[in-house]
């Protein structure tokens, strides 16, 4: 079974196109180093919550939208190897915190081991 890195990101609405360009560049690098899938999705039907929600999770502001993303790998070991190469790539260094079209401090991310795959 595969392994997935998941992300929830607050993106200013005015920066969605810049985020798309940023992500396309990043995705190409991840795929170049062996990721099986790289997907970025902008919120379209995401209800507000009273206790929890995607918006609450990233302290979404009125002028922002949630982006939900994932990168799929063969295994955790494969993910660790791919990410090591990606993080050593100078193209990624150029995309660092000062060049991100979103507030990286409010991004939520983590690695997930699938328990069902159909």
PDB file of N, CA and C in Angstrom:
ATOM      1  N   UNK A   1       0.837  -1.179   0.000  1.00  0.00           N
ATOM      2  CA  UNK A   1       0.000   0.000   0.000  1.00  0.00           C
ATOM      3  C   UNK A   1       0.882   1.243   0.000  1.00  0.00           C
ATOM      4  N   UNK A   2       0.366   2.367  -0.465  1.00  0.00           N
ATOM      5  CA  UNK A   2       1.142   3.596  -0.610  1.00  0.00           C
ATOM      6  C   UNK A   2       1.247   4.385   0.695  1.00  0.00           C
ATOM      7  N   UNK A   3       1.819   5.570   0.595  1.00  0.00           N
ATOM      8  CA  UNK A   3       1.968   6.496   1.707  1.00  0.00           C
ATOM      9  C   UNK A   3       1.619   7.879   1.179  1.00  0.00           C
ATOM     10  N   UNK A   4       1.019   8.736   2.017  1.00  0.00           N
ATOM     11  CA  UNK A   4       0.531  10.039   1.557  1.00  0.00           C
ATOM     12  C   UNK A   4       0.991  11.139   2.498  1.00  0.00           C
ATOM     13  N   UNK A   5       1.498  12.219   1.936  1.00  0.00           N
ATOM     14  CA  UNK A   5       1.697  13.459   2.676  1.00  0.00           C
ATOM     15  C   UNK A   5       0.490  14.327   2.367  1.00  0.00           C
ATOM     16  N   UNK A   6      -0.178  14.837   3.408  1.00  0.00           N
ATOM     17  CA  UNK A   6      -1.355  15.676   3.229  1.00  0.00           C
ATOM     18  C   UNK A   6      -1.125  17.078   3.755  1.00  0.00           C
ATOM     19  N   UNK A   7      -1.807  18.047   3.137  1.00  0.00           N
ATOM     20  CA  UNK A   7      -1.627  19.461   3.471  1.00  0.00           C
ATOM     21  C   UNK A   7      -2.966  20.189   3.444  1.00  0.00           C
ATOM     22  N   UNK A   8      -3.151  21.127   4.358  1.00  0.00           N
ATOM     23  CA  UNK A   8      -4.261  22.072   4.328  1.00  0.00           C
ATOM     24  C   UNK A   8      -3.618  23.451   4.436  1.00  0.00           C
ATOM     25  N   UNK A   9      -3.898  24.313   3.442  1.00  0.00           N
ATOM     26  CA  UNK A   9      -3.176  25.575   3.314  1.00  0.00           C
ATOM     27  C   UNK A   9      -4.159  26.738   3.143  1.00  0.00           C
ATOM     28  N   UNK A  10      -3.973  27.844   3.892  1.00  0.00           N
ATOM     29  CA  UNK A  10      -4.777  29.041   3.658  1.00  0.00           C
ATOM     30  C   UNK A  10      -4.109  29.894   2.577  1.00  0.00           C
ATOM     31  N   UNK A  11      -4.833  30.167   1.505  1.00  0.00           N
ATOM     32  CA  UNK A  11      -4.263  30.942   0.403  1.00  0.00           C
ATOM     33  C   UNK A  11      -5.112  32.196   0.177  1.00  0.00           C
ATOM     34  N   UNK A  12      -4.504  33.381   0.156  1.00  0.00           N
ATOM     35  CA  UNK A  12      -5.278  34.571  -0.166  1.00  0.00           C
ATOM     36  C   UNK A  12      -5.947  34.406  -1.538  1.00  0.00           C
ATOM     37  N   UNK A  13      -7.217  34.772  -1.628  1.00  0.00           N
ATOM     38  CA  UNK A  13      -7.949  34.612  -2.886  1.00  0.00           C
ATOM     39  C   UNK A  13      -7.224  35.294  -4.042  1.00  0.00           C
ATOM     40  N   UNK A  14      -6.623  36.442  -3.773  1.00  0.00           N
ATOM     41  CA  UNK A  14      -5.910  37.167  -4.835  1.00  0.00           C
ATOM     42  C   UNK A  14      -4.652  36.421  -5.279  1.00  0.00           C
ATOM     43  N   UNK A  15      -4.200  35.424  -4.499  1.00  0.00           N
ATOM     44  CA  UNK A  15      -2.975  34.682  -4.821  1.00  0.00           C
ATOM     45  C   UNK A  15      -3.226  33.271  -5.347  1.00  0.00           C
ATOM     46  N   UNK A  16      -4.473  32.925  -5.636  1.00  0.00           N
ATOM     47  CA  UNK A  16      -4.754  31.555  -6.072  1.00  0.00           C
ATOM     48  C   UNK A  16      -3.998  31.214  -7.353  1.00  0.00           C
ATOM     49  N   UNK A  17      -3.956  32.131  -8.298  1.00  0.00           N
ATOM     50  CA  UNK A  17      -3.235  31.846  -9.546  1.00  0.00           C
ATOM     51  C   UNK A  17      -1.734  31.748  -9.286  1.00  0.00           C
ATOM     52  N   UNK A  18      -1.196  32.608  -8.432  1.00  0.00           N
ATOM     53  CA  UNK A  18       0.223  32.529  -8.069  1.00  0.00           C
ATOM     54  C   UNK A  18       0.503  31.212  -7.344  1.00  0.00           C
ATOM     55  N   UNK A  19      -0.438  30.787  -6.486  1.00  0.00           N
ATOM     56  CA  UNK A  19      -0.289  29.512  -5.792  1.00  0.00           C
ATOM     57  C   UNK A  19      -0.290  28.360  -6.791  1.00  0.00           C
ATOM     58  N   UNK A  20      -1.147  28.442  -7.804  1.00  0.00           N
ATOM     59  CA  UNK A  20      -1.196  27.400  -8.833  1.00  0.00           C
ATOM     60  C   UNK A  20       0.160  27.295  -9.547  1.00  0.00           C
ATOM     61  N   UNK A  21       0.729  28.426  -9.909  1.00  0.00           N
ATOM     62  CA  UNK A  21       2.043  28.414 -10.572  1.00  0.00           C
ATOM     63  C   UNK A  21       3.124  27.866  -9.636  1.00  0.00           C
ATOM     64  N   UNK A  22       3.105  28.320  -8.386  1.00  0.00           N
ATOM     65  CA  UNK A  22       4.052  27.863  -7.363  1.00  0.00           C
ATOM     66  C   UNK A  22       3.953  26.343  -7.206  1.00  0.00           C
ATOM     67  N   UNK A  23       2.729  25.844  -7.087  1.00  0.00           N
ATOM     68  CA  UNK A  23       2.495  24.414  -6.879  1.00  0.00           C
ATOM     69  C   UNK A  23       2.858  23.582  -8.099  1.00  0.00           C
ATOM     70  N   UNK A  24       2.602  24.111  -9.272  1.00  0.00           N
ATOM     71  CA  UNK A  24       2.968  23.382 -10.493  1.00  0.00           C
ATOM     72  C   UNK A  24       4.477  23.174 -10.540  1.00  0.00           C
ATOM     73  N   UNK A  25       5.229  24.218 -10.193  1.00  0.00           N
ATOM     74  CA  UNK A  25       6.694  24.089 -10.155  1.00  0.00           C
ATOM     75  C   UNK A  25       7.117  23.061  -9.110  1.00  0.00           C
ATOM     76  N   UNK A  26       6.547  23.183  -7.907  1.00  0.00           N
ATOM     77  CA  UNK A  26       6.901  22.245  -6.831  1.00  0.00           C
ATOM     78  C   UNK A  26       6.513  20.825  -7.214  1.00  0.00           C
ATOM     79  N   UNK A  27       5.314  20.656  -7.751  1.00  0.00           N
ATOM     80  CA  UNK A  27       4.841  19.329  -8.138  1.00  0.00           C
ATOM     81  C   UNK A  27       5.731  18.664  -9.162  1.00  0.00           C
ATOM     82  N   UNK A  28       6.205  19.432 -10.129  1.00  0.00           N
ATOM     83  CA  UNK A  28       7.114  18.867 -11.137  1.00  0.00           C
ATOM     84  C   UNK A  28       8.387  18.346 -10.491  1.00  0.00           C
ATOM     85  N   UNK A  29       8.865  19.061  -9.471  1.00  0.00           N
ATOM     86  CA  UNK A  29      10.083  18.621  -8.783  1.00  0.00           C
ATOM     87  C   UNK A  29       9.800  17.334  -8.015  1.00  0.00           C
ATOM     88  N   UNK A  30       8.692  17.292  -7.277  1.00  0.00           N
ATOM     89  CA  UNK A  30       8.348  16.064  -6.536  1.00  0.00           C
ATOM     90  C   UNK A  30       8.196  14.881  -7.487  1.00  0.00           C
ATOM     91  N   UNK A  31       7.530  15.101  -8.610  1.00  0.00           N
ATOM     92  CA  UNK A  31       7.325  14.016  -9.576  1.00  0.00           C
ATOM     93  C   UNK A  31       8.654  13.585 -10.196  1.00  0.00           C
ATOM     94  N   UNK A  32       9.532  14.541 -10.458  1.00  0.00           N
ATOM     95  CA  UNK A  32      10.856  14.244 -11.010  1.00  0.00           C
ATOM     96  C   UNK A  32      11.630  13.295 -10.096  1.00  0.00           C
ATOM     97  N   UNK A  33      11.456  13.459  -8.780  1.00  0.00           N
ATOM     98  CA  UNK A  33      12.179  12.625  -7.825  1.00  0.00           C
ATOM     99  C   UNK A  33      11.423  11.369  -7.417  1.00  0.00           C
ATOM    100  N   UNK A  34      10.268  11.119  -8.049  1.00  0.00           N
ATOM    101  CA  UNK A  34       9.627   9.830  -7.854  1.00  0.00           C
ATOM    102  C   UNK A  34       8.269   9.790  -7.193  1.00  0.00           C
ATOM    103  N   UNK A  35       7.704  10.942  -6.800  1.00  0.00           N
ATOM    104  CA  UNK A  35       6.348  10.913  -6.246  1.00  0.00           C
ATOM    105  C   UNK A  35       5.405  10.293  -7.272  1.00  0.00           C
ATOM    106  N   UNK A  36       4.424   9.560  -6.813  1.00  0.00           N
ATOM    107  CA  UNK A  36       3.479   8.890  -7.712  1.00  0.00           C
ATOM    108  C   UNK A  36       2.339   9.811  -8.136  1.00  0.00           C
ATOM    109  N   UNK A  37       1.991  10.763  -7.269  1.00  0.00           N
ATOM    110  CA  UNK A  37       0.877  11.660  -7.556  1.00  0.00           C
ATOM    111  C   UNK A  37       1.064  12.937  -6.747  1.00  0.00           C
ATOM    112  N   UNK A  38       0.712  14.056  -7.348  1.00  0.00           N
ATOM    113  CA  UNK A  38       0.791  15.364  -6.688  1.00  0.00           C
ATOM    114  C   UNK A  38      -0.487  16.094  -7.038  1.00  0.00           C
ATOM    115  N   UNK A  39      -1.314  16.400  -6.052  1.00  0.00           N
ATOM    116  CA  UNK A  39      -2.617  16.993  -6.320  1.00  0.00           C
ATOM    117  C   UNK A  39      -2.862  18.188  -5.407  1.00  0.00           C
ATOM    118  N   UNK A  40      -3.344  19.283  -5.983  1.00  0.00           N
ATOM    119  CA  UNK A  40      -3.702  20.503  -5.249  1.00  0.00           C
ATOM    120  C   UNK A  40      -5.167  20.807  -5.565  1.00  0.00           C
ATOM    121  N   UNK A  41      -5.985  21.008  -4.538  1.00  0.00           N
ATOM    122  CA  UNK A  41      -7.416  21.230  -4.722  1.00  0.00           C
ATOM    123  C   UNK A  41      -7.850  22.463  -3.943  1.00  0.00           C
ATOM    124  N   UNK A  42      -8.559  23.379  -4.613  1.00  0.00           N
ATOM    125  CA  UNK A  42      -9.059  24.579  -3.947  1.00  0.00           C
ATOM    126  C   UNK A  42     -10.482  24.320  -3.457  1.00  0.00           C
ATOM    127  N   UNK A  43     -10.799  24.831  -2.268  1.00  0.00           N
ATOM    128  CA  UNK A  43     -12.114  24.612  -1.659  1.00  0.00           C
ATOM    129  C   UNK A  43     -13.227  25.081  -2.597  1.00  0.00           C
ATOM    130  N   UNK A  44     -14.242  24.245  -2.722  1.00  0.00           N
ATOM    131  CA  UNK A  44     -15.376  24.553  -3.581  1.00  0.00           C
ATOM    132  C   UNK A  44     -16.692  24.356  -2.826  1.00  0.00           C
ATOM    133  N   UNK A  45     -16.771  23.318  -2.025  1.00  0.00           N
ATOM    134  CA  UNK A  45     -17.972  23.008  -1.251  1.00  0.00           C
ATOM    135  C   UNK A  45     -17.524  22.594   0.152  1.00  0.00           C
ATOM    136  N   UNK A  46     -17.054  23.568   0.917  1.00  0.00           N
ATOM    137  CA  UNK A  46     -16.481  23.314   2.234  1.00  0.00           C
ATOM    138  C   UNK A  46     -17.285  24.110   3.262  1.00  0.00           C
ATOM    139  N   UNK A  47     -18.194  23.436   3.960  1.00  0.00           N
ATOM    140  CA  UNK A  47     -19.066  24.151   4.901  1.00  0.00           C
ATOM    141  C   UNK A  47     -18.309  24.679   6.120  1.00  0.00           C
ATOM    142  N   UNK A  48     -18.781  25.808   6.646  1.00  0.00           N
ATOM    143  CA  UNK A  48     -18.191  26.304   7.900  1.00  0.00           C
ATOM    144  C   UNK A  48     -18.599  25.387   9.032  1.00  0.00           C
ATOM    145  N   UNK A  49     -17.784  25.316  10.039  1.00  0.00           N
ATOM    146  CA  UNK A  49     -18.090  24.446  11.171  1.00  0.00           C
ATOM    147  C   UNK A  49     -18.423  25.227  12.417  1.00  0.00           C
ATOM    148  N   UNK A  50     -19.021  24.540  13.365  1.00  0.00           N
ATOM    149  CA  UNK A  50     -19.286  25.139  14.677  1.00  0.00           C
ATOM    150  C   UNK A  50     -18.264  24.662  15.693  1.00  0.00           C
ATOM    151  N   UNK A  51     -17.737  23.463  15.468  1.00  0.00           N
ATOM    152  CA  UNK A  51     -16.732  22.904  16.374  1.00  0.00           C
ATOM    153  C   UNK A  51     -15.387  22.774  15.657  1.00  0.00           C
ATOM    154  N   UNK A  52     -15.413  22.190  14.449  1.00  0.00           N
ATOM    155  CA  UNK A  52     -14.202  22.062  13.638  1.00  0.00           C
ATOM    156  C   UNK A  52     -14.556  22.287  12.175  1.00  0.00           C
ATOM    157  N   UNK A  53     -13.569  22.636  11.385  1.00  0.00           N
ATOM    158  CA  UNK A  53     -13.733  22.785   9.932  1.00  0.00           C
ATOM    159  C   UNK A  53     -12.359  23.002   9.319  1.00  0.00           C
ATOM    160  N   UNK A  54     -12.315  22.896   8.001  1.00  0.00           N
ATOM    161  CA  UNK A  54     -11.063  23.209   7.314  1.00  0.00           C
ATOM    162  C   UNK A  54     -10.676  24.663   7.587  1.00  0.00           C
ATOM    163  N   UNK A  55     -11.644  25.560   7.513  1.00  0.00           N
ATOM    164  CA  UNK A  55     -11.360  26.983   7.742  1.00  0.00           C
ATOM    165  C   UNK A  55     -10.791  27.220   9.139  1.00  0.00           C
ATOM    166  N   UNK A  56     -11.411  26.602  10.132  1.00  0.00           N
ATOM    167  CA  UNK A  56     -10.933  26.783  11.510  1.00  0.00           C
ATOM    168  C   UNK A  56      -9.525  26.217  11.683  1.00  0.00           C
ATOM    169  N   UNK A  57      -9.239  25.126  10.991  1.00  0.00           N
ATOM    170  CA  UNK A  57      -7.952  24.459  11.174  1.00  0.00           C
ATOM    171  C   UNK A  57      -6.764  25.335  10.797  1.00  0.00           C
ATOM    172  N   UNK A  58      -6.971  26.258   9.840  1.00  0.00           N
ATOM    173  CA  UNK A  58      -5.879  27.134   9.400  1.00  0.00           C
ATOM    174  C   UNK A  58      -6.126  28.598   9.755  1.00  0.00           C
ATOM    175  N   UNK A  59      -7.130  28.837  10.622  1.00  0.00           N
ATOM    176  CA  UNK A  59      -7.495  30.209  11.007  1.00  0.00           C
ATOM    177  C   UNK A  59      -7.729  31.070   9.765  1.00  0.00           C
ATOM    178  N   UNK A  60      -8.574  30.550   8.876  1.00  0.00           N
ATOM    179  CA  UNK A  60      -8.846  31.200   7.589  1.00  0.00           C
ATOM    180  C   UNK A  60      -9.380  32.612   7.782  1.00  0.00           C
ATOM    181  N   UNK A  61      -8.856  33.540   6.999  1.00  0.00           N
ATOM    182  CA  UNK A  61      -9.323  34.928   7.003  1.00  0.00           C
ATOM    183  C   UNK A  61     -10.357  35.100   5.899  1.00  0.00           C
ATOM    184  N   UNK A  62     -11.136  36.187   5.963  1.00  0.00           N
ATOM    185  CA  UNK A  62     -12.220  36.418   4.998  1.00  0.00           C
ATOM    186  C   UNK A  62     -11.740  36.491   3.548  1.00  0.00           C
ATOM    187  N   UNK A  63     -10.526  36.935   3.347  1.00  0.00           N
ATOM    188  CA  UNK A  63     -10.010  37.091   1.986  1.00  0.00           C
ATOM    189  C   UNK A  63      -9.177  35.886   1.535  1.00  0.00           C
ATOM    190  N   UNK A  64      -9.345  34.737   2.201  1.00  0.00           N
ATOM    191  CA  UNK A  64      -8.568  33.539   1.878  1.00  0.00           C
ATOM    192  C   UNK A  64      -9.488  32.379   1.507  1.00  0.00           C
ATOM    193  N   UNK A  65      -8.873  31.375   0.912  1.00  0.00           N
ATOM    194  CA  UNK A  65      -9.553  30.129   0.563  1.00  0.00           C
ATOM    195  C   UNK A  65      -8.658  28.971   1.005  1.00  0.00           C
ATOM    196  N   UNK A  66      -9.285  27.843   1.333  1.00  0.00           N
ATOM    197  CA  UNK A  66      -8.524  26.668   1.755  1.00  0.00           C
ATOM    198  C   UNK A  66      -8.089  25.860   0.538  1.00  0.00           C
ATOM    199  N   UNK A  67      -6.856  25.404   0.557  1.00  0.00           N
ATOM    200  CA  UNK A  67      -6.356  24.464  -0.448  1.00  0.00           C
ATOM    201  C   UNK A  67      -6.019  23.169   0.286  1.00  0.00           C
ATOM    202  N   UNK A  68      -6.483  22.071  -0.274  1.00  0.00           N
ATOM    203  CA  UNK A  68      -6.256  20.733   0.282  1.00  0.00           C
ATOM    204  C   UNK A  68      -5.391  19.995  -0.731  1.00  0.00           C
ATOM    205  N   UNK A  69      -4.290  19.440  -0.279  1.00  0.00           N
ATOM    206  CA  UNK A  69      -3.310  18.852  -1.196  1.00  0.00           C
ATOM    207  C   UNK A  69      -2.777  17.543  -0.665  1.00  0.00           C
ATOM    208  N   UNK A  70      -2.263  16.726  -1.586  1.00  0.00           N
ATOM    209  CA  UNK A  70      -1.559  15.523  -1.150  1.00  0.00           C
ATOM    210  C   UNK A  70      -0.554  15.091  -2.198  1.00  0.00           C
ATOM    211  N   UNK A  71       0.438  14.376  -1.679  1.00  0.00           N
ATOM    212  CA  UNK A  71       1.469  13.769  -2.522  1.00  0.00           C
ATOM    213  C   UNK A  71       1.488  12.292  -2.145  1.00  0.00           C
ATOM    214  N   UNK A  72       1.416  11.436  -3.163  1.00  0.00           N
ATOM    215  CA  UNK A  72       1.380   9.996  -2.901  1.00  0.00           C
ATOM    216  C   UNK A  72       2.693   9.348  -3.302  1.00  0.00           C
ATOM    217  N   UNK A  73       3.123   8.394  -2.464  1.00  0.00           N
ATOM    218  CA  UNK A  73       4.381   7.672  -2.648  1.00  0.00           C
ATOM    219  C   UNK A  73       4.136   6.169  -2.573  1.00  0.00           C
ATOM    220  N   UNK A  74       5.152   5.388  -2.910  1.00  0.00           N
ATOM    221  CA  UNK A  74       5.057   3.923  -2.818  1.00  0.00           C
ATOM    222  C   UNK A  74       4.968   3.451  -1.369  1.00  0.00           C
ATOM    223  N   UNK A  75       5.696   4.135  -0.474  1.00  0.00           N
ATOM    224  CA  UNK A  75       5.795   3.719   0.930  1.00  0.00           C
ATOM    225  C   UNK A  75       6.372   4.882   1.728  1.00  0.00           C
ATOM    226  N   UNK A  76       6.410   4.727   3.038  1.00  0.00           N
ATOM    227  CA  UNK A  76       7.031   5.759   3.887  1.00  0.00           C
ATOM    228  C   UNK A  76       8.518   5.875   3.553  1.00  0.00           C
ATOM    229  N   UNK A  77       9.165   4.750   3.341  1.00  0.00           N
ATOM    230  CA  UNK A  77      10.590   4.758   2.994  1.00  0.00           C
ATOM    231  C   UNK A  77      10.805   5.513   1.677  1.00  0.00           C
ATOM    232  N   UNK A  78       9.943   5.256   0.705  1.00  0.00           N
ATOM    233  CA  UNK A  78      10.024   5.951  -0.583  1.00  0.00           C
ATOM    234  C   UNK A  78       9.796   7.447  -0.386  1.00  0.00           C
ATOM    235  N   UNK A  79       8.808   7.804   0.432  1.00  0.00           N
ATOM    236  CA  UNK A  79       8.520   9.215   0.713  1.00  0.00           C
ATOM    237  C   UNK A  79       9.725   9.903   1.325  1.00  0.00           C
ATOM    238  N   UNK A  80      10.350   9.252   2.302  1.00  0.00           N
ATOM    239  CA  UNK A  80      11.511   9.851   2.954  1.00  0.00           C
ATOM    240  C   UNK A  80      12.654  10.065   1.964  1.00  0.00           C
ATOM    241  N   UNK A  81      12.854   9.113   1.069  1.00  0.00           N
ATOM    242  CA  UNK A  81      13.917   9.234   0.060  1.00  0.00           C
ATOM    243  C   UNK A  81      13.605  10.354  -0.934  1.00  0.00           C
ATOM    244  N   UNK A  82      12.356  10.412  -1.399  1.00  0.00           N
ATOM    245  CA  UNK A  82      11.959  11.472  -2.348  1.00  0.00           C
ATOM    246  C   UNK A  82      12.113  12.833  -1.686  1.00  0.00           C
ATOM    247  N   UNK A  83      11.584  12.990  -0.458  1.00  0.00           N
ATOM    248  CA  UNK A  83      11.644  14.288   0.212  1.00  0.00           C
ATOM    249  C   UNK A  83      13.078  14.723   0.506  1.00  0.00           C
ATOM    250  N   UNK A  84      13.950  13.790   0.786  1.00  0.00           N
ATOM    251  CA  UNK A  84      15.354  14.134   1.006  1.00  0.00           C
ATOM    252  C   UNK A  84      15.951  14.764  -0.254  1.00  0.00           C
ATOM    253  N   UNK A  85      15.647  14.169  -1.412  1.00  0.00           N
ATOM    254  CA  UNK A  85      16.146  14.706  -2.687  1.00  0.00           C
ATOM    255  C   UNK A  85      15.509  16.051  -2.993  1.00  0.00           C
ATOM    256  N   UNK A  86      14.205  16.154  -2.765  1.00  0.00           N
ATOM    257  CA  UNK A  86      13.491  17.405  -3.038  1.00  0.00           C
ATOM    258  C   UNK A  86      14.065  18.539  -2.187  1.00  0.00           C
ATOM    259  N   UNK A  87      14.247  18.297  -0.908  1.00  0.00           N
ATOM    260  CA  UNK A  87      14.724  19.348  -0.004  1.00  0.00           C
ATOM    261  C   UNK A  87      16.166  19.761  -0.301  1.00  0.00           C
ATOM    262  N   UNK A  88      16.928  18.903  -0.961  1.00  0.00           N
ATOM    263  CA  UNK A  88      18.307  19.235  -1.342  1.00  0.00           C
ATOM    264  C   UNK A  88      18.369  19.961  -2.684  1.00  0.00           C
ATOM    265  N   UNK A  89      17.250  20.026  -3.388  1.00  0.00           N
ATOM    266  CA  UNK A  89      17.212  20.637  -4.718  1.00  0.00           C
ATOM    267  C   UNK A  89      17.212  22.165  -4.582  1.00  0.00           C
ATOM    268  N   UNK A  90      18.121  22.851  -5.261  1.00  0.00           N
ATOM    269  CA  UNK A  90      18.186  24.315  -5.151  1.00  0.00           C
ATOM    270  C   UNK A  90      16.926  25.023  -5.654  1.00  0.00           C
ATOM    271  N   UNK A  91      16.172  24.388  -6.524  1.00  0.00           N
ATOM    272  CA  UNK A  91      14.927  25.003  -6.999  1.00  0.00           C
ATOM    273  C   UNK A  91      13.927  25.146  -5.860  1.00  0.00           C
ATOM    274  N   UNK A  92      13.908  24.193  -4.954  1.00  0.00           N
ATOM    275  CA  UNK A  92      13.003  24.262  -3.800  1.00  0.00           C
ATOM    276  C   UNK A  92      13.462  25.348  -2.838  1.00  0.00           C
ATOM    277  N   UNK A  93      14.770  25.465  -2.644  1.00  0.00           N
ATOM    278  CA  UNK A  93      15.297  26.507  -1.754  1.00  0.00           C
ATOM    279  C   UNK A  93      14.850  27.888  -2.228  1.00  0.00           C
ATOM    280  N   UNK A  94      14.791  28.098  -3.536  1.00  0.00           N
ATOM    281  CA  UNK A  94      14.355  29.389  -4.094  1.00  0.00           C
ATOM    282  C   UNK A  94      12.867  29.644  -3.839  1.00  0.00           C
ATOM    283  N   UNK A  95      12.128  28.583  -3.542  1.00  0.00           N
ATOM    284  CA  UNK A  95      10.690  28.716  -3.302  1.00  0.00           C
ATOM    285  C   UNK A  95      10.391  28.867  -1.817  1.00  0.00           C
ATOM    286  N   UNK A  96      11.401  29.169  -1.014  1.00  0.00           N
ATOM    287  CA  UNK A  96      11.284  29.230   0.439  1.00  0.00           C
ATOM    288  C   UNK A  96      10.253  30.214   0.966  1.00  0.00           C
ATOM    289  N   UNK A  97      10.205  30.380   2.281  1.00  0.00           N
ATOM    290  CA  UNK A  97       9.161  31.166   2.953  1.00  0.00           C
ATOM    291  C   UNK A  97       8.932  32.566   2.393  1.00  0.00           C
ATOM    292  N   UNK A  98       9.974  33.238   1.957  1.00  0.00           N
ATOM    293  CA  UNK A  98       9.804  34.598   1.440  1.00  0.00           C
ATOM    294  C   UNK A  98       9.148  34.633   0.061  1.00  0.00           C
ATOM    295  N   UNK A  99       9.090  33.486  -0.614  1.00  0.00           N
ATOM    296  CA  UNK A  99       8.524  33.443  -1.965  1.00  0.00           C
ATOM    297  C   UNK A  99       7.217  32.660  -2.054  1.00  0.00           C
ATOM    298  N   UNK A 100       6.656  32.288  -0.916  1.00  0.00           N
ATOM    299  CA  UNK A 100       5.403  31.527  -0.924  1.00  0.00           C
ATOM    300  C   UNK A 100       4.208  32.473  -1.032  1.00  0.00           C
ATOM    301  N   UNK A 101       3.231  32.147  -1.884  1.00  0.00           N
ATOM    302  CA  UNK A 101       2.036  33.001  -2.012  1.00  0.00           C
ATOM    303  C   UNK A 101       0.971  32.673  -0.961  1.00  0.00           C
ATOM    304  N   UNK A 102       1.403  32.262   0.229  1.00  0.00           N
ATOM    305  CA  UNK A 102       0.498  31.925   1.328  1.00  0.00           C
ATOM    306  C   UNK A 102       1.285  32.004   2.634  1.00  0.00           C
ATOM    307  N   UNK A 103       0.566  31.945   3.751  1.00  0.00           N
ATOM    308  CA  UNK A 103       1.198  31.992   5.070  1.00  0.00           C
ATOM    309  C   UNK A 103       1.554  30.576   5.507  1.00  0.00           C
ATOM    310  N   UNK A 104       2.801  30.198   5.315  1.00  0.00           N
ATOM    311  CA  UNK A 104       3.257  28.847   5.628  1.00  0.00           C
ATOM    312  C   UNK A 104       3.163  28.483   7.103  1.00  0.00           C
ATOM    313  N   UNK A 105       3.093  29.478   7.977  1.00  0.00           N
ATOM    314  CA  UNK A 105       2.988  29.200   9.414  1.00  0.00           C
ATOM    315  C   UNK A 105       1.636  28.590   9.769  1.00  0.00           C
ATOM    316  N   UNK A 106       0.625  28.825   8.924  1.00  0.00           N
ATOM    317  CA  UNK A 106      -0.710  28.288   9.202  1.00  0.00           C
ATOM    318  C   UNK A 106      -1.024  27.037   8.381  1.00  0.00           C
ATOM    319  N   UNK A 107      -0.049  26.547   7.646  1.00  0.00           N
ATOM    320  CA  UNK A 107      -0.230  25.311   6.884  1.00  0.00           C
ATOM    321  C   UNK A 107      -0.216  24.125   7.846  1.00  0.00           C
ATOM    322  N   UNK A 108      -1.102  23.178   7.600  1.00  0.00           N
ATOM    323  CA  UNK A 108      -1.136  21.941   8.382  1.00  0.00           C
ATOM    324  C   UNK A 108      -0.675  20.828   7.450  1.00  0.00           C
ATOM    325  N   UNK A 109       0.192  19.965   7.938  1.00  0.00           N
ATOM    326  CA  UNK A 109       0.692  18.894   7.080  1.00  0.00           C
ATOM    327  C   UNK A 109       1.086  17.684   7.916  1.00  0.00           C
ATOM    328  N   UNK A 110       1.206  16.565   7.256  1.00  0.00           N
ATOM    329  CA  UNK A 110       1.644  15.352   7.925  1.00  0.00           C
ATOM    330  C   UNK A 110       1.660  14.174   6.981  1.00  0.00           C
ATOM    331  N   UNK A 111       2.290  13.093   7.419  1.00  0.00           N
ATOM    332  CA  UNK A 111       2.362  11.859   6.648  1.00  0.00           C
ATOM    333  C   UNK A 111       1.308  10.879   7.134  1.00  0.00           C
ATOM    334  N   UNK A 112       0.692  10.181   6.185  1.00  0.00           N
ATOM    335  CA  UNK A 112      -0.409   9.277   6.507  1.00  0.00           C
ATOM    336  C   UNK A 112      -0.222   7.920   5.858  1.00  0.00           C
ATOM    337  N   UNK A 113      -0.487   6.910   6.644  1.00  0.00           N
ATOM    338  CA  UNK A 113      -0.438   5.520   6.183  1.00  0.00           C
ATOM    339  C   UNK A 113      -1.880   5.106   5.862  1.00  0.00           C
ATOM    340  N   UNK A 114      -2.181   4.833   4.591  1.00  0.00           N
ATOM    341  CA  UNK A 114      -3.546   4.441   4.241  1.00  0.00           C
ATOM    342  C   UNK A 114      -3.976   3.155   4.958  1.00  0.00           C
ATOM    343  N   UNK A 115      -5.246   3.109   5.324  1.00  0.00           N
ATOM    344  CA  UNK A 115      -5.801   1.900   5.935  1.00  0.00           C
ATOM    345  C   UNK A 115      -6.878   1.265   5.049  1.00  0.00           C
ATOM    346  N   UNK A 116      -7.347   2.018   4.035  1.00  0.00           N
ATOM    347  CA  UNK A 116      -8.281   1.479   3.043  1.00  0.00           C
ATOM    348  C   UNK A 116      -7.872   2.054   1.700  1.00  0.00           C
ATOM    349  N   UNK A 117      -7.793   1.233   0.690  1.00  0.00           N
ATOM    350  CA  UNK A 117      -7.494   1.682  -0.669  1.00  0.00           C
ATOM    351  C   UNK A 117      -8.346   0.842  -1.625  1.00  0.00           C
ATOM    352  N   UNK A 118      -9.273   1.489  -2.328  1.00  0.00           N
ATOM    353  CA  UNK A 118     -10.184   0.790  -3.239  1.00  0.00           C
ATOM    354  C   UNK A 118      -9.927   1.201  -4.675  1.00  0.00           C
TER     355      UNK A 118
END
